[in-house]
Amino acid sequence: MTDPITAGIIVVLSKYVIDQGAELIKEVGPAAANKAGELLKTALDHLRGIGRLHGASSCTAALIDSGTPDAPAVVLTNGHCAQQWSAGDILQDIPAANMTMVFNYFANTQAVQIAVPATRVLYSTMKYRDLALVELDATLGELQERDITPFTVAPRAPDDARNVSLIGAPTAELPSDAAY
């Protein structure tokens, strides 16, 4: 996996790489342009498990790797995204009404976004933690076949200081031509 700093640089440069194409090859040569393209693809592939969950709110969510391809796919998001604003409630195993997860939720991937209905809210709370697990109407394996890459949840918090990448699908303060 690409380290977070390299991935950040790749994402920042991705628009330039995509927009400049042939000019980039002339400037840096075919081998360097191909390597840049490979790094960009690797960085973006890693982010395909992130998307926008449209529900009680419109929030970023991430596909979780259960290790069981035949099991229903589950996304992790904030509790306020899966329930109405009720800070003290803890909801478990309820129908997901009018909720959809959209993968590939990037400004330059609108044509290949993948929308998957949610079926159940497995757990949702805003009591002490703003957390929800939402089951989708697809198996983990079906999403992996569509090149959606799940994230592995660590069994425990790291023992020492580590770099952490926070990734979200922004909804505010975007230029009007970048919002969708």
Protein backbone atom coordinates (compact mmCIF):
# COMPACT_ATOMS: atom_id res chain seq x y z
CA MET A 1 0.00 0.00 0.00
CA THR A 2 1.19 3.52 -0.76
CA ASP A 3 2.19 5.57 2.30
CA PRO A 4 -0.21 8.43 3.21
CA ILE A 5 2.10 11.25 2.09
CA THR A 6 2.69 9.69 -1.33
CA ALA A 7 -1.03 8.94 -1.68
CA GLY A 8 -1.84 12.56 -0.84
CA ILE A 9 0.61 13.85 -3.41
CA ILE A 10 -0.80 11.45 -6.00
CA VAL A 11 -4.37 12.55 -5.33
CA VAL A 12 -3.39 16.23 -5.54
CA LEU A 13 -1.60 15.60 -8.83
CA SER A 14 -4.31 13.34 -10.25
CA LYS A 15 -6.23 16.14 -11.93
CA TYR A 16 -3.01 17.35 -13.56
CA VAL A 17 -2.16 13.82 -14.74
CA ILE A 18 -5.64 13.22 -16.11
CA ASP A 19 -5.95 16.66 -17.75
CA GLN A 20 -2.45 16.83 -19.22
CA GLY A 21 -2.12 13.26 -20.59
CA ALA A 22 0.03 13.55 -23.75
CA GLU A 23 1.78 16.71 -22.54
CA LEU A 24 2.91 14.91 -19.39
CA ILE A 25 4.43 12.10 -21.46
CA LYS A 26 6.40 14.65 -23.51
CA GLU A 27 7.66 16.39 -20.36
CA VAL A 28 8.72 13.43 -18.23
CA GLY A 29 8.88 10.54 -20.67
CA PRO A 30 6.67 7.49 -21.11
CA ALA A 31 8.19 5.45 -18.27
CA ALA A 32 7.70 8.19 -15.67
CA ALA A 33 4.18 8.94 -16.93
CA ASN A 34 3.29 5.24 -16.75
CA LYS A 35 4.67 5.01 -13.20
CA ALA A 36 2.67 8.11 -12.20
CA GLY A 37 -0.45 6.53 -13.70
CA GLU A 38 0.16 3.27 -11.80
CA LEU A 39 0.64 5.13 -8.50
CA LEU A 40 -2.49 7.18 -9.14
CA LYS A 41 -4.54 4.07 -9.91
CA THR A 42 -3.23 2.34 -6.76
CA ALA A 43 -4.06 5.36 -4.60
CA LEU A 44 -7.53 5.72 -6.04
CA ASP A 45 -8.27 1.97 -5.91
CA HIS A 46 -7.58 2.06 -2.19
CA LEU A 47 -10.24 4.77 -1.80
CA ARG A 48 -12.99 2.96 -3.71
CA GLY A 49 -14.40 1.53 -0.47
CA ILE A 50 -15.24 5.06 0.67
CA GLY A 51 -18.42 6.72 -0.42
CA ARG A 52 -21.45 8.79 0.45
CA LEU A 53 -24.26 7.31 2.53
CA HIS A 54 -27.51 9.11 1.90
CA GLY A 55 -29.80 8.58 4.88
CA ALA A 56 -30.85 10.72 7.83
CA SER A 57 -27.91 12.90 6.74
CA SER A 58 -25.52 12.71 3.82
CA CYS A 59 -22.26 11.37 5.24
CA THR A 60 -19.03 9.64 4.38
CA ALA A 61 -19.02 5.89 5.01
CA ALA A 62 -16.48 3.10 4.49
CA LEU A 63 -16.96 -0.53 3.47
CA ILE A 64 -15.72 -2.88 6.20
CA ASP A 65 -13.92 -6.14 5.40
CA SER A 66 -15.71 -8.89 7.32
CA GLY A 67 -13.52 -11.55 5.73
CA THR A 68 -16.66 -13.36 4.55
CA PRO A 69 -17.42 -12.71 0.86
CA ASP A 70 -20.89 -14.32 1.08
CA ALA A 71 -21.96 -12.16 4.02
CA PRO A 72 -23.94 -8.94 3.55
CA ALA A 73 -21.70 -5.91 3.04
CA VAL A 74 -21.53 -3.49 5.97
CA VAL A 75 -20.43 0.16 6.02
CA LEU A 76 -19.17 2.15 9.00
CA THR A 77 -20.39 5.73 9.36
CA ASN A 78 -21.58 8.18 12.01
CA GLY A 79 -24.67 7.48 14.09
CA HIS A 80 -26.35 10.74 13.07
CA CYS A 81 -26.21 9.53 9.45
CA ALA A 82 -28.32 6.47 10.17
CA GLN A 83 -30.90 7.87 12.56
CA GLN A 84 -32.75 11.05 13.30
CA TRP A 85 -31.09 13.42 15.74
CA SER A 86 -31.70 11.65 19.03
CA ALA A 87 -28.50 11.78 21.04
CA GLY A 88 -29.50 9.30 23.74
CA ASP A 89 -30.86 6.50 21.54
CA ILE A 90 -29.12 3.27 20.71
CA LEU A 91 -30.76 1.58 17.72
CA GLN A 92 -30.14 -2.05 16.82
CA ASP A 93 -31.24 -4.17 13.87
CA ILE A 94 -33.91 -1.92 12.37
CA PRO A 95 -34.94 -1.47 8.71
CA ALA A 96 -32.93 1.10 6.79
CA ALA A 97 -35.57 3.38 5.31
CA ASN A 98 -34.57 5.38 2.22
CA MET A 99 -30.82 4.87 2.62
CA THR A 100 -28.35 4.39 -0.22
CA MET A 101 -24.58 4.01 -0.25
CA VAL A 102 -22.80 5.49 -3.29
CA PHE A 103 -19.27 4.20 -3.92
CA ASN A 104 -16.75 5.99 -6.19
CA TYR A 105 -18.10 9.27 -4.84
CA PHE A 106 -15.51 11.59 -6.36
CA ALA A 107 -16.04 14.62 -8.59
CA ASN A 108 -14.23 12.94 -11.50
CA THR A 109 -15.94 9.52 -11.18
CA GLN A 110 -19.61 10.45 -11.39
CA ALA A 111 -20.11 8.27 -14.48
CA VAL A 112 -18.92 5.13 -12.64
CA GLN A 113 -20.49 5.62 -9.23
CA ILE A 114 -22.09 2.51 -7.77
CA ALA A 115 -25.28 2.99 -5.74
CA VAL A 116 -26.30 0.20 -3.35
CA PRO A 117 -29.46 0.35 -1.23
CA ALA A 118 -29.11 -0.16 2.51
CA THR A 119 -31.29 -2.85 4.08
CA ARG A 120 -30.73 -2.60 7.84
CA VAL A 121 -29.20 -0.37 10.46
CA LEU A 122 -27.35 -2.95 12.51
CA TYR A 123 -26.25 -0.47 15.18
CA SER A 124 -26.50 3.28 15.54
CA THR A 125 -25.88 5.62 18.43
CA MET A 126 -24.90 9.15 19.27
CA LYS A 127 -24.63 8.31 22.96
CA TYR A 128 -20.98 8.91 23.90
CA ARG A 129 -19.91 7.90 20.35
CA ASP A 130 -21.35 8.94 17.00
CA LEU A 131 -21.22 5.55 15.29
CA ALA A 132 -23.30 3.35 13.00
CA LEU A 133 -23.01 0.06 11.13
CA VAL A 134 -25.32 -0.21 8.12
CA GLU A 135 -25.97 -3.40 6.12
CA LEU A 136 -26.21 -3.11 2.34
CA ASP A 137 -28.27 -5.01 -0.23
CA ALA A 138 -25.16 -6.71 -1.65
CA THR A 139 -22.61 -9.16 -0.35
CA LEU A 140 -19.03 -8.18 0.35
CA GLY A 141 -17.95 -10.47 -2.50
CA GLU A 142 -20.34 -8.82 -4.98
CA LEU A 143 -18.86 -5.41 -4.18
CA GLN A 144 -15.31 -6.74 -4.40
CA GLU A 145 -16.15 -8.13 -7.86
CA ARG A 146 -17.06 -4.54 -8.80
CA ASP A 147 -13.60 -3.39 -7.60
CA ILE A 148 -14.86 -1.85 -4.37
CA THR A 149 -12.04 -2.33 -1.87
CA PRO A 150 -13.09 -2.86 1.78
CA PHE A 151 -11.13 -1.60 4.76
CA THR A 152 -9.80 -3.92 7.44
CA VAL A 153 -10.64 -2.95 11.00
CA ALA A 154 -7.74 -3.36 13.41
CA PRO A 155 -8.38 -5.69 16.35
CA ARG A 156 -7.23 -2.96 18.78
CA ALA A 157 -5.91 0.58 18.88
CA PRO A 158 -2.23 0.94 17.95
CA ASP A 159 0.23 0.85 20.83
CA ASP A 160 2.24 3.81 19.59
CA ALA A 161 1.75 6.99 17.60
CA ARG A 162 0.89 6.29 13.96
CA ASN A 163 0.01 8.33 10.94
CA VAL A 164 -3.72 8.34 10.34
CA SER A 165 -5.41 9.40 7.11
CA LEU A 166 -8.80 11.02 7.51
CA ILE A 167 -10.76 10.84 4.29
CA GLY A 168 -14.19 12.27 3.69
CA ALA A 169 -16.51 13.22 0.88
CA PRO A 170 -16.97 16.97 1.42
CA THR A 171 -20.38 18.58 1.21
CA ALA A 172 -19.68 22.15 2.27
CA GLU A 173 -17.50 25.02 1.09
CA LEU A 174 -17.00 23.58 -2.40
CA PRO A 175 -16.97 25.75 -5.51
CA SER A 176 -20.31 25.45 -7.29
CA ASP A 177 -18.70 23.64 -10.25
CA ALA A 178 -17.16 21.03 -7.91
CA ALA A 179 -20.25 20.23 -5.86
CA TYR A 180 -22.58 17.47 -6.96
